[in-house]
Amino acid sequence: MGGFRAGDQVEVQIEEDGFRGSYYEATVVAPMENRGYYIEYKTLLTDDQKRLLREDVDETDIRPVPPEIKVSCFAPLDIVDAFDNDGWWVGKITARGFY
């Protein structure tokens, strides 16, 4: 197992259509015996919108929260994670300038 414990802050990769390539912040509720974790998302809600979504995830879909890095500029072709729509999305800088 990846060594996460209950209470650890993590990010979970979602591979469903419309979410592919994104990571969402979550808290580990409990490690599971079979290569996974029971987690609670910080921003995703259940279908009835009444509570935070909890689910089992495989250890290959979970990563530690990366450290905050202060960056003042990016260059074309830099690989970045951008926070949008309540999740982190992997992207690439394609140009410089303001739009």
PDB file of N, CA and C in Angstrom:
ATOM      1  N   MET A   1       0.829  -1.193   0.000  1.00  0.00           N
ATOM      2  CA  MET A   1       0.000   0.000   0.000  1.00  0.00           C
ATOM      3  C   MET A   1       0.868   1.249   0.000  1.00  0.00           C
ATOM      4  N   GLY A   2       0.260   2.369  -0.392  1.00  0.00           N
ATOM      5  CA  GLY A   2       0.994   3.613  -0.491  1.00  0.00           C
ATOM      6  C   GLY A   2       1.318   4.261   0.833  1.00  0.00           C
ATOM      7  N   GLY A   3       0.796   3.731   1.922  1.00  0.00           N
ATOM      8  CA  GLY A   3       1.147   4.264   3.214  1.00  0.00           C
ATOM      9  C   GLY A   3       0.280   5.393   3.708  1.00  0.00           C
ATOM     10  N   PHE A   4      -0.867   5.628   3.103  1.00  0.00           N
ATOM     11  CA  PHE A   4      -1.764   6.666   3.604  1.00  0.00           C
ATOM     12  C   PHE A   4      -2.524   6.149   4.814  1.00  0.00           C
ATOM     13  N   ARG A   5      -2.852   7.072   5.715  1.00  0.00           N
ATOM     14  CA  ARG A   5      -3.600   6.726   6.923  1.00  0.00           C
ATOM     15  C   ARG A   5      -4.865   7.559   7.007  1.00  0.00           C
ATOM     16  N   ALA A   6      -5.776   7.132   7.845  1.00  0.00           N
ATOM     17  CA  ALA A   6      -7.008   7.896   8.067  1.00  0.00           C
ATOM     18  C   ALA A   6      -6.643   9.325   8.439  1.00  0.00           C
ATOM     19  N   GLY A   7      -7.296  10.280   7.807  1.00  0.00           N
ATOM     20  CA  GLY A   7      -7.042  11.694   8.064  1.00  0.00           C
ATOM     21  C   GLY A   7      -6.065  12.335   7.099  1.00  0.00           C
ATOM     22  N   ASP A   8      -5.306  11.532   6.336  1.00  0.00           N
ATOM     23  CA  ASP A   8      -4.355  12.098   5.369  1.00  0.00           C
ATOM     24  C   ASP A   8      -5.095  12.828   4.253  1.00  0.00           C
ATOM     25  N   GLN A   9      -4.546  13.974   3.851  1.00  0.00           N
ATOM     26  CA  GLN A   9      -5.084  14.741   2.739  1.00  0.00           C
ATOM     27  C   GLN A   9      -4.443  14.214   1.453  1.00  0.00           C
ATOM     28  N   VAL A  10      -5.269  13.919   0.441  1.00  0.00           N
ATOM     29  CA  VAL A  10      -4.790  13.333  -0.798  1.00  0.00           C
ATOM     30  C   VAL A  10      -5.523  13.957  -1.976  1.00  0.00           C
ATOM     31  N   GLU A  11      -5.108  13.567  -3.172  1.00  0.00           N
ATOM     32  CA  GLU A  11      -5.829  13.902  -4.393  1.00  0.00           C
ATOM     33  C   GLU A  11      -6.149  12.592  -5.107  1.00  0.00           C
ATOM     34  N   VAL A  12      -7.360  12.516  -5.668  1.00  0.00           N
ATOM     35  CA  VAL A  12      -7.842  11.292  -6.292  1.00  0.00           C
ATOM     36  C   VAL A  12      -8.092  11.546  -7.771  1.00  0.00           C
ATOM     37  N   GLN A  13      -7.509  10.700  -8.600  1.00  0.00           N
ATOM     38  CA  GLN A  13      -7.693  10.775 -10.051  1.00  0.00           C
ATOM     39  C   GLN A  13      -9.039  10.163 -10.422  1.00  0.00           C
ATOM     40  N   ILE A  14      -9.787  10.875 -11.269  1.00  0.00           N
ATOM     41  CA  ILE A  14     -11.076  10.370 -11.726  1.00  0.00           C
ATOM     42  C   ILE A  14     -10.976  10.120 -13.227  1.00  0.00           C
ATOM     43  N   GLU A  15     -11.371   8.923 -13.656  1.00  0.00           N
ATOM     44  CA  GLU A  15     -11.260   8.532 -15.063  1.00  0.00           C
ATOM     45  C   GLU A  15     -12.609   8.440 -15.779  1.00  0.00           C
ATOM     46  N   GLU A  16     -13.676   8.924 -15.176  1.00  0.00           N
ATOM     47  CA  GLU A  16     -14.985   8.903 -15.821  1.00  0.00           C
ATOM     48  C   GLU A  16     -15.031   9.958 -16.919  1.00  0.00           C
ATOM     49  N   ASP A  17     -15.908   9.745 -17.909  1.00  0.00           N
ATOM     50  CA  ASP A  17     -16.086  10.725 -18.980  1.00  0.00           C
ATOM     51  C   ASP A  17     -16.379  12.094 -18.387  1.00  0.00           C
ATOM     52  N   GLY A  18     -15.751  13.108 -18.917  1.00  0.00           N
ATOM     53  CA  GLY A  18     -15.923  14.468 -18.431  1.00  0.00           C
ATOM     54  C   GLY A  18     -14.998  14.829 -17.286  1.00  0.00           C
ATOM     55  N   PHE A  19     -14.380  13.837 -16.664  1.00  0.00           N
ATOM     56  CA  PHE A  19     -13.465  14.073 -15.548  1.00  0.00           C
ATOM     57  C   PHE A  19     -12.061  13.541 -15.840  1.00  0.00           C
ATOM     58  N   ARG A  20     -11.900  12.797 -16.935  1.00  0.00           N
ATOM     59  CA  ARG A  20     -10.637  12.111 -17.233  1.00  0.00           C
ATOM     60  C   ARG A  20      -9.457  13.082 -17.160  1.00  0.00           C
ATOM     61  N   GLY A  21      -8.436  12.672 -16.399  1.00  0.00           N
ATOM     62  CA  GLY A  21      -7.233  13.486 -16.266  1.00  0.00           C
ATOM     63  C   GLY A  21      -7.282  14.485 -15.125  1.00  0.00           C
ATOM     64  N   SER A  22      -8.361  14.477 -14.354  1.00  0.00           N
ATOM     65  CA  SER A  22      -8.476  15.442 -13.258  1.00  0.00           C
ATOM     66  C   SER A  22      -8.227  14.762 -11.918  1.00  0.00           C
ATOM     67  N   TYR A  23      -7.829  15.569 -10.941  1.00  0.00           N
ATOM     68  CA  TYR A  23      -7.618  15.105  -9.569  1.00  0.00           C
ATOM     69  C   TYR A  23      -8.457  15.965  -8.641  1.00  0.00           C
ATOM     70  N   TYR A  24      -9.102  15.326  -7.677  1.00  0.00           N
ATOM     71  CA  TYR A  24      -9.939  16.037  -6.717  1.00  0.00           C
ATOM     72  C   TYR A  24      -9.426  15.805  -5.301  1.00  0.00           C
ATOM     73  N   GLU A  25      -9.443  16.873  -4.511  1.00  0.00           N
ATOM     74  CA  GLU A  25      -8.947  16.793  -3.143  1.00  0.00           C
ATOM     75  C   GLU A  25      -9.879  15.950  -2.293  1.00  0.00           C
ATOM     76  N   ALA A  26      -9.279  15.149  -1.418  1.00  0.00           N
ATOM     77  CA  ALA A  26     -10.055  14.257  -0.566  1.00  0.00           C
ATOM     78  C   ALA A  26      -9.298  13.994   0.728  1.00  0.00           C
ATOM     79  N   THR A  27      -9.990  13.388   1.670  1.00  0.00           N
ATOM     80  CA  THR A  27      -9.408  12.949   2.929  1.00  0.00           C
ATOM     81  C   THR A  27      -9.564  11.437   3.012  1.00  0.00           C
ATOM     82  N   VAL A  28      -8.507  10.747   3.421  1.00  0.00           N
ATOM     83  CA  VAL A  28      -8.600   9.310   3.614  1.00  0.00           C
ATOM     84  C   VAL A  28      -9.439   9.060   4.860  1.00  0.00           C
ATOM     85  N   VAL A  29     -10.523   8.299   4.704  1.00  0.00           N
ATOM     86  CA  VAL A  29     -11.360   7.909   5.835  1.00  0.00           C
ATOM     87  C   VAL A  29     -10.757   6.662   6.472  1.00  0.00           C
ATOM     88  N   ALA A  30     -10.357   5.698   5.610  1.00  0.00           N
ATOM     89  CA  ALA A  30      -9.761   4.466   6.127  1.00  0.00           C
ATOM     90  C   ALA A  30      -9.050   3.714   5.007  1.00  0.00           C
ATOM     91  N   PRO A  31      -7.900   3.104   5.316  1.00  0.00           N
ATOM     92  CA  PRO A  31      -7.277   2.205   4.349  1.00  0.00           C
ATOM     93  C   PRO A  31      -8.126   0.933   4.239  1.00  0.00           C
ATOM     94  N   MET A  32      -8.123   0.330   3.053  1.00  0.00           N
ATOM     95  CA  MET A  32      -8.840  -0.930   2.868  1.00  0.00           C
ATOM     96  C   MET A  32      -7.808  -2.050   2.727  1.00  0.00           C
ATOM     97  N   GLU A  33      -8.231  -3.271   2.926  1.00  0.00           N
ATOM     98  CA  GLU A  33      -7.298  -4.395   2.895  1.00  0.00           C
ATOM     99  C   GLU A  33      -6.815  -4.737   1.492  1.00  0.00           C
ATOM    100  N   ASN A  34      -7.601  -4.425   0.468  1.00  0.00           N
ATOM    101  CA  ASN A  34      -7.248  -4.803  -0.903  1.00  0.00           C
ATOM    102  C   ASN A  34      -6.804  -3.614  -1.748  1.00  0.00           C
ATOM    103  N   ARG A  35      -5.596  -3.128  -1.566  1.00  0.00           N
ATOM    104  CA  ARG A  35      -5.004  -2.109  -2.441  1.00  0.00           C
ATOM    105  C   ARG A  35      -5.876  -0.876  -2.657  1.00  0.00           C
ATOM    106  N   GLY A  36      -6.438  -0.359  -1.621  1.00  0.00           N
ATOM    107  CA  GLY A  36      -7.252   0.814  -1.819  1.00  0.00           C
ATOM    108  C   GLY A  36      -7.550   1.561  -0.543  1.00  0.00           C
ATOM    109  N   TYR A  37      -8.371   2.587  -0.708  1.00  0.00           N
ATOM    110  CA  TYR A  37      -8.725   3.466   0.399  1.00  0.00           C
ATOM    111  C   TYR A  37     -10.185   3.871   0.280  1.00  0.00           C
ATOM    112  N   TYR A  38     -10.801   4.110   1.424  1.00  0.00           N
ATOM    113  CA  TYR A  38     -12.125   4.702   1.486  1.00  0.00           C
ATOM    114  C   TYR A  38     -11.887   6.183   1.738  1.00  0.00           C
ATOM    115  N   ILE A  39     -12.376   7.039   0.830  1.00  0.00           N
ATOM    116  CA  ILE A  39     -12.060   8.470   0.909  1.00  0.00           C
ATOM    117  C   ILE A  39     -13.338   9.306   0.919  1.00  0.00           C
ATOM    118  N   GLU A  40     -13.188  10.568   1.356  1.00  0.00           N
ATOM    119  CA  GLU A  40     -14.263  11.550   1.280  1.00  0.00           C
ATOM    120  C   GLU A  40     -13.728  12.761   0.531  1.00  0.00           C
ATOM    121  N   TYR A  41     -14.404  13.113  -0.569  1.00  0.00           N
ATOM    122  CA  TYR A  41     -13.985  14.277  -1.358  1.00  0.00           C
ATOM    123  C   TYR A  41     -14.272  15.569  -0.605  1.00  0.00           C
ATOM    124  N   LYS A  42     -13.481  16.599  -0.890  1.00  0.00           N
ATOM    125  CA  LYS A  42     -13.688  17.898  -0.236  1.00  0.00           C
ATOM    126  C   LYS A  42     -14.707  18.756  -0.966  1.00  0.00           C
ATOM    127  N   THR A  43     -14.907  18.521  -2.282  1.00  0.00           N
ATOM    128  CA  THR A  43     -15.802  19.390  -3.054  1.00  0.00           C
ATOM    129  C   THR A  43     -16.881  18.646  -3.819  1.00  0.00           C
ATOM    130  N   LEU A  44     -16.762  17.334  -3.990  1.00  0.00           N
ATOM    131  CA  LEU A  44     -17.771  16.582  -4.742  1.00  0.00           C
ATOM    132  C   LEU A  44     -18.858  16.094  -3.788  1.00  0.00           C
ATOM    133  N   LEU A  45     -20.116  16.238  -4.218  1.00  0.00           N
ATOM    134  CA  LEU A  45     -21.256  15.889  -3.382  1.00  0.00           C
ATOM    135  C   LEU A  45     -21.963  14.647  -3.909  1.00  0.00           C
ATOM    136  N   THR A  46     -22.753  14.019  -3.036  1.00  0.00           N
ATOM    137  CA  THR A  46     -23.586  12.892  -3.431  1.00  0.00           C
ATOM    138  C   THR A  46     -24.637  13.377  -4.436  1.00  0.00           C
ATOM    139  N   ASP A  47     -25.311  12.442  -5.100  1.00  0.00           N
ATOM    140  CA  ASP A  47     -26.320  12.798  -6.103  1.00  0.00           C
ATOM    141  C   ASP A  47     -27.424  13.693  -5.538  1.00  0.00           C
ATOM    142  N   ASP A  48     -27.775  13.516  -4.274  1.00  0.00           N
ATOM    143  CA  ASP A  48     -28.827  14.352  -3.685  1.00  0.00           C
ATOM    144  C   ASP A  48     -28.293  15.701  -3.182  1.00  0.00           C
ATOM    145  N   GLN A  49     -26.976  15.917  -3.354  1.00  0.00           N
ATOM    146  CA  GLN A  49     -26.330  17.187  -2.997  1.00  0.00           C
ATOM    147  C   GLN A  49     -26.394  17.508  -1.501  1.00  0.00           C
ATOM    148  N   LYS A  50     -26.589  16.486  -0.644  1.00  0.00           N
ATOM    149  CA  LYS A  50     -26.758  16.733   0.787  1.00  0.00           C
ATOM    150  C   LYS A  50     -25.511  16.475   1.613  1.00  0.00           C
ATOM    151  N   ARG A  51     -24.550  15.752   1.063  1.00  0.00           N
ATOM    152  CA  ARG A  51     -23.324  15.486   1.837  1.00  0.00           C
ATOM    153  C   ARG A  51     -22.159  15.233   0.879  1.00  0.00           C
ATOM    154  N   LEU A  52     -20.955  15.268   1.444  1.00  0.00           N
ATOM    155  CA  LEU A  52     -19.763  15.029   0.647  1.00  0.00           C
ATOM    156  C   LEU A  52     -19.720  13.575   0.184  1.00  0.00           C
ATOM    157  N   LEU A  53     -19.290  13.378  -1.056  1.00  0.00           N
ATOM    158  CA  LEU A  53     -19.223  12.047  -1.651  1.00  0.00           C
ATOM    159  C   LEU A  53     -18.104  11.241  -1.014  1.00  0.00           C
ATOM    160  N   ARG A  54     -18.412   9.991  -0.666  1.00  0.00           N
ATOM    161  CA  ARG A  54     -17.427   9.037  -0.162  1.00  0.00           C
ATOM    162  C   ARG A  54     -17.417   7.846  -1.095  1.00  0.00           C
ATOM    163  N   GLU A  55     -16.226   7.291  -1.348  1.00  0.00           N
ATOM    164  CA  GLU A  55     -16.149   6.101  -2.182  1.00  0.00           C
ATOM    165  C   GLU A  55     -14.834   5.366  -1.966  1.00  0.00           C
ATOM    166  N   ASP A  56     -14.807   4.111  -2.420  1.00  0.00           N
ATOM    167  CA  ASP A  56     -13.591   3.309  -2.410  1.00  0.00           C
ATOM    168  C   ASP A  56     -12.791   3.645  -3.658  1.00  0.00           C
ATOM    169  N   VAL A  57     -11.480   3.830  -3.502  1.00  0.00           N
ATOM    170  CA  VAL A  57     -10.620   4.085  -4.657  1.00  0.00           C
ATOM    171  C   VAL A  57      -9.400   3.170  -4.597  1.00  0.00           C
ATOM    172  N   ASP A  58      -8.908   2.810  -5.755  1.00  0.00           N
ATOM    173  CA  ASP A  58      -7.713   1.985  -5.847  1.00  0.00           C
ATOM    174  C   ASP A  58      -6.496   2.830  -5.506  1.00  0.00           C
ATOM    175  N   GLU A  59      -5.475   2.209  -4.936  1.00  0.00           N
ATOM    176  CA  GLU A  59      -4.276   2.969  -4.559  1.00  0.00           C
ATOM    177  C   GLU A  59      -3.574   3.586  -5.763  1.00  0.00           C
ATOM    178  N   THR A  60      -3.788   3.062  -6.977  1.00  0.00           N
ATOM    179  CA  THR A  60      -3.153   3.645  -8.162  1.00  0.00           C
ATOM    180  C   THR A  60      -3.807   4.961  -8.578  1.00  0.00           C
ATOM    181  N   ASP A  61      -4.988   5.281  -8.024  1.00  0.00           N
ATOM    182  CA  ASP A  61      -5.696   6.518  -8.369  1.00  0.00           C
ATOM    183  C   ASP A  61      -5.562   7.605  -7.311  1.00  0.00           C
ATOM    184  N   ILE A  62      -4.631   7.435  -6.401  1.00  0.00           N
ATOM    185  CA  ILE A  62      -4.497   8.379  -5.291  1.00  0.00           C
ATOM    186  C   ILE A  62      -3.052   8.867  -5.212  1.00  0.00           C
ATOM    187  N   ARG A  63      -2.907  10.150  -4.906  1.00  0.00           N
ATOM    188  CA  ARG A  63      -1.556  10.712  -4.743  1.00  0.00           C
ATOM    189  C   ARG A  63      -1.573  11.669  -3.564  1.00  0.00           C
ATOM    190  N   PRO A  64      -0.387  11.911  -2.971  1.00  0.00           N
ATOM    191  CA  PRO A  64      -0.333  12.907  -1.890  1.00  0.00           C
ATOM    192  C   PRO A  64      -0.602  14.297  -2.456  1.00  0.00           C
ATOM    193  N   VAL A  65      -1.077  15.181  -1.612  1.00  0.00           N
ATOM    194  CA  VAL A  65      -1.260  16.574  -2.030  1.00  0.00           C
ATOM    195  C   VAL A  65       0.122  17.152  -2.281  1.00  0.00           C
ATOM    196  N   PRO A  66       0.360  17.701  -3.486  1.00  0.00           N
ATOM    197  CA  PRO A  66       1.687  18.258  -3.753  1.00  0.00           C
ATOM    198  C   PRO A  66       1.943  19.509  -2.908  1.00  0.00           C
ATOM    199  N   PRO A  67       3.207  19.816  -2.672  1.00  0.00           N
ATOM    200  CA  PRO A  67       3.513  21.034  -1.915  1.00  0.00           C
ATOM    201  C   PRO A  67       3.152  22.268  -2.729  1.00  0.00           C
ATOM    202  N   GLU A  68       2.815  23.343  -2.031  1.00  0.00           N
ATOM    203  CA  GLU A  68       2.525  24.597  -2.718  1.00  0.00           C
ATOM    204  C   GLU A  68       3.837  25.195  -3.205  1.00  0.00           C
ATOM    205  N   ILE A  69       3.890  25.523  -4.479  1.00  0.00           N
ATOM    206  CA  ILE A  69       5.097  26.098  -5.075  1.00  0.00           C
ATOM    207  C   ILE A  69       4.731  27.454  -5.656  1.00  0.00           C
ATOM    208  N   LYS A  70       5.430  28.463  -5.234  1.00  0.00           N
ATOM    209  CA  LYS A  70       5.202  29.810  -5.768  1.00  0.00           C
ATOM    210  C   LYS A  70       5.932  29.929  -7.108  1.00  0.00           C
ATOM    211  N   VAL A  71       5.163  30.172  -8.162  1.00  0.00           N
ATOM    212  CA  VAL A  71       5.730  30.315  -9.495  1.00  0.00           C
ATOM    213  C   VAL A  71       5.304  31.663 -10.040  1.00  0.00           C
ATOM    214  N   SER A  72       6.269  32.405 -10.560  1.00  0.00           N
ATOM    215  CA  SER A  72       5.942  33.731 -11.064  1.00  0.00           C
ATOM    216  C   SER A  72       5.735  33.757 -12.569  1.00  0.00           C
ATOM    217  N   CYS A  73       6.207  32.747 -13.267  1.00  0.00           N
ATOM    218  CA  CYS A  73       5.988  32.731 -14.714  1.00  0.00           C
ATOM    219  C   CYS A  73       6.085  31.299 -15.240  1.00  0.00           C
ATOM    220  N   PHE A  74       5.460  31.105 -16.365  1.00  0.00           N
ATOM    221  CA  PHE A  74       5.510  29.819 -17.037  1.00  0.00           C
ATOM    222  C   PHE A  74       6.061  30.030 -18.432  1.00  0.00           C
ATOM    223  N   ALA A  75       6.619  28.989 -18.990  1.00  0.00           N
ATOM    224  CA  ALA A  75       7.150  29.041 -20.352  1.00  0.00           C
ATOM    225  C   ALA A  75       6.339  28.093 -21.233  1.00  0.00           C
ATOM    226  N   PRO A  76       6.264  28.389 -22.529  1.00  0.00           N
ATOM    227  CA  PRO A  76       5.580  27.461 -23.429  1.00  0.00           C
ATOM    228  C   PRO A  76       6.119  26.040 -23.263  1.00  0.00           C
ATOM    229  N   LEU A  77       5.215  25.078 -23.312  1.00  0.00           N
ATOM    230  CA  LEU A  77       5.456  23.637 -23.189  1.00  0.00           C
ATOM    231  C   LEU A  77       5.632  23.166 -21.745  1.00  0.00           C
ATOM    232  N   ASP A  78       5.588  24.073 -20.738  1.00  0.00           N
ATOM    233  CA  ASP A  78       5.598  23.639 -19.345  1.00  0.00           C
ATOM    234  C   ASP A  78       4.338  22.826 -19.067  1.00  0.00           C
ATOM    235  N   ILE A  79       4.489  21.708 -18.357  1.00  0.00           N
ATOM    236  CA  ILE A  79       3.359  20.901 -17.912  1.00  0.00           C
ATOM    237  C   ILE A  79       2.907  21.455 -16.567  1.00  0.00           C
ATOM    238  N   VAL A  80       1.606  21.705 -16.429  1.00  0.00           N
ATOM    239  CA  VAL A  80       1.077  22.324 -15.214  1.00  0.00           C
ATOM    240  C   VAL A  80      -0.198  21.615 -14.763  1.00  0.00           C
ATOM    241  N   ASP A  81      -0.552  21.791 -13.508  1.00  0.00           N
ATOM    242  CA  ASP A  81      -1.861  21.440 -12.987  1.00  0.00           C
ATOM    243  C   ASP A  81      -2.574  22.760 -12.734  1.00  0.00           C
ATOM    244  N   ALA A  82      -3.789  22.895 -13.254  1.00  0.00           N
ATOM    245  CA  ALA A  82      -4.567  24.113 -13.058  1.00  0.00           C
ATOM    246  C   ALA A  82      -5.839  23.769 -12.299  1.00  0.00           C
ATOM    247  N   PHE A  83      -6.188  24.588 -11.301  1.00  0.00           N
ATOM    248  CA  PHE A  83      -7.395  24.352 -10.513  1.00  0.00           C
ATOM    249  C   PHE A  83      -8.580  24.971 -11.231  1.00  0.00           C
ATOM    250  N   ASP A  84      -9.565  24.130 -11.608  1.00  0.00           N
ATOM    251  CA  ASP A  84     -10.754  24.606 -12.307  1.00  0.00           C
ATOM    252  C   ASP A  84     -11.901  23.636 -12.034  1.00  0.00           C
ATOM    253  N   ASN A  85     -13.099  24.166 -11.863  1.00  0.00           N
ATOM    254  CA  ASN A  85     -14.285  23.332 -11.669  1.00  0.00           C
ATOM    255  C   ASN A  85     -14.101  22.361 -10.500  1.00  0.00           C
ATOM    256  N   ASP A  86     -13.558  22.844  -9.394  1.00  0.00           N
ATOM    257  CA  ASP A  86     -13.365  22.091  -8.146  1.00  0.00           C
ATOM    258  C   ASP A  86     -12.322  20.993  -8.212  1.00  0.00           C
ATOM    259  N   GLY A  87     -11.516  20.941  -9.265  1.00  0.00           N
ATOM    260  CA  GLY A  87     -10.502  19.895  -9.364  1.00  0.00           C
ATOM    261  C   GLY A  87      -9.246  20.396 -10.052  1.00  0.00           C
ATOM    262  N   TRP A  88      -8.209  19.565  -9.996  1.00  0.00           N
ATOM    263  CA  TRP A  88      -6.933  19.873 -10.638  1.00  0.00           C
ATOM    264  C   TRP A  88      -6.868  19.154 -11.977  1.00  0.00           C
ATOM    265  N   TRP A  89      -6.541  19.890 -13.033  1.00  0.00           N
ATOM    266  CA  TRP A  89      -6.492  19.360 -14.391  1.00  0.00           C
ATOM    267  C   TRP A  89      -5.087  19.536 -14.940  1.00  0.00           C
ATOM    268  N   VAL A  90      -4.547  18.477 -15.520  1.00  0.00           N
ATOM    269  CA  VAL A  90      -3.211  18.525 -16.109  1.00  0.00           C
ATOM    270  C   VAL A  90      -3.308  19.201 -17.467  1.00  0.00           C
ATOM    271  N   GLY A  91      -2.368  20.096 -17.721  1.00  0.00           N
ATOM    272  CA  GLY A  91      -2.350  20.797 -19.008  1.00  0.00           C
ATOM    273  C   GLY A  91      -0.949  21.187 -19.399  1.00  0.00           C
ATOM    274  N   LYS A  92      -0.846  21.851 -20.529  1.00  0.00           N
ATOM    275  CA  LYS A  92       0.440  22.304 -21.051  1.00  0.00           C
ATOM    276  C   LYS A  92       0.299  23.758 -21.478  1.00  0.00           C
ATOM    277  N   ILE A  93       1.271  24.572 -21.115  1.00  0.00           N
ATOM    278  CA  ILE A  93       1.296  25.972 -21.547  1.00  0.00           C
ATOM    279  C   ILE A  93       1.584  25.984 -23.056  1.00  0.00           C
ATOM    280  N   THR A  94       0.706  26.653 -23.810  1.00  0.00           N
ATOM    281  CA  THR A  94       0.880  26.681 -25.259  1.00  0.00           C
ATOM    282  C   THR A  94       1.357  28.024 -25.800  1.00  0.00           C
ATOM    283  N   ALA A  95       1.161  29.093 -25.023  1.00  0.00           N
ATOM    284  CA  ALA A  95       1.576  30.414 -25.503  1.00  0.00           C
ATOM    285  C   ALA A  95       1.705  31.348 -24.310  1.00  0.00           C
ATOM    286  N   ARG A  96       2.397  32.438 -24.528  1.00  0.00           N
ATOM    287  CA  ARG A  96       2.502  33.489 -23.498  1.00  0.00           C
ATOM    288  C   ARG A  96       1.632  34.643 -23.903  1.00  0.00           C
ATOM    289  N   GLY A  97       1.147  35.354 -22.914  1.00  0.00           N
ATOM    290  CA  GLY A  97       0.337  36.527 -23.200  1.00  0.00           C
ATOM    291  C   GLY A  97      -0.953  36.510 -22.423  1.00  0.00           C
ATOM    292  N   PHE A  98      -1.722  37.564 -22.542  1.00  0.00           N
ATOM    293  CA  PHE A  98      -2.990  37.677 -21.861  1.00  0.00           C
ATOM    294  C   PHE A  98      -4.101  37.651 -22.892  1.00  0.00           C
ATOM    295  N   TYR A  99      -5.177  36.978 -22.526  1.00  0.00           N
ATOM    296  CA  TYR A  99      -6.298  36.859 -23.453  1.00  0.00           C
ATOM    297  C   TYR A  99      -7.535  37.489 -22.882  1.00  0.00           C
TER     298      TYR A  99
END
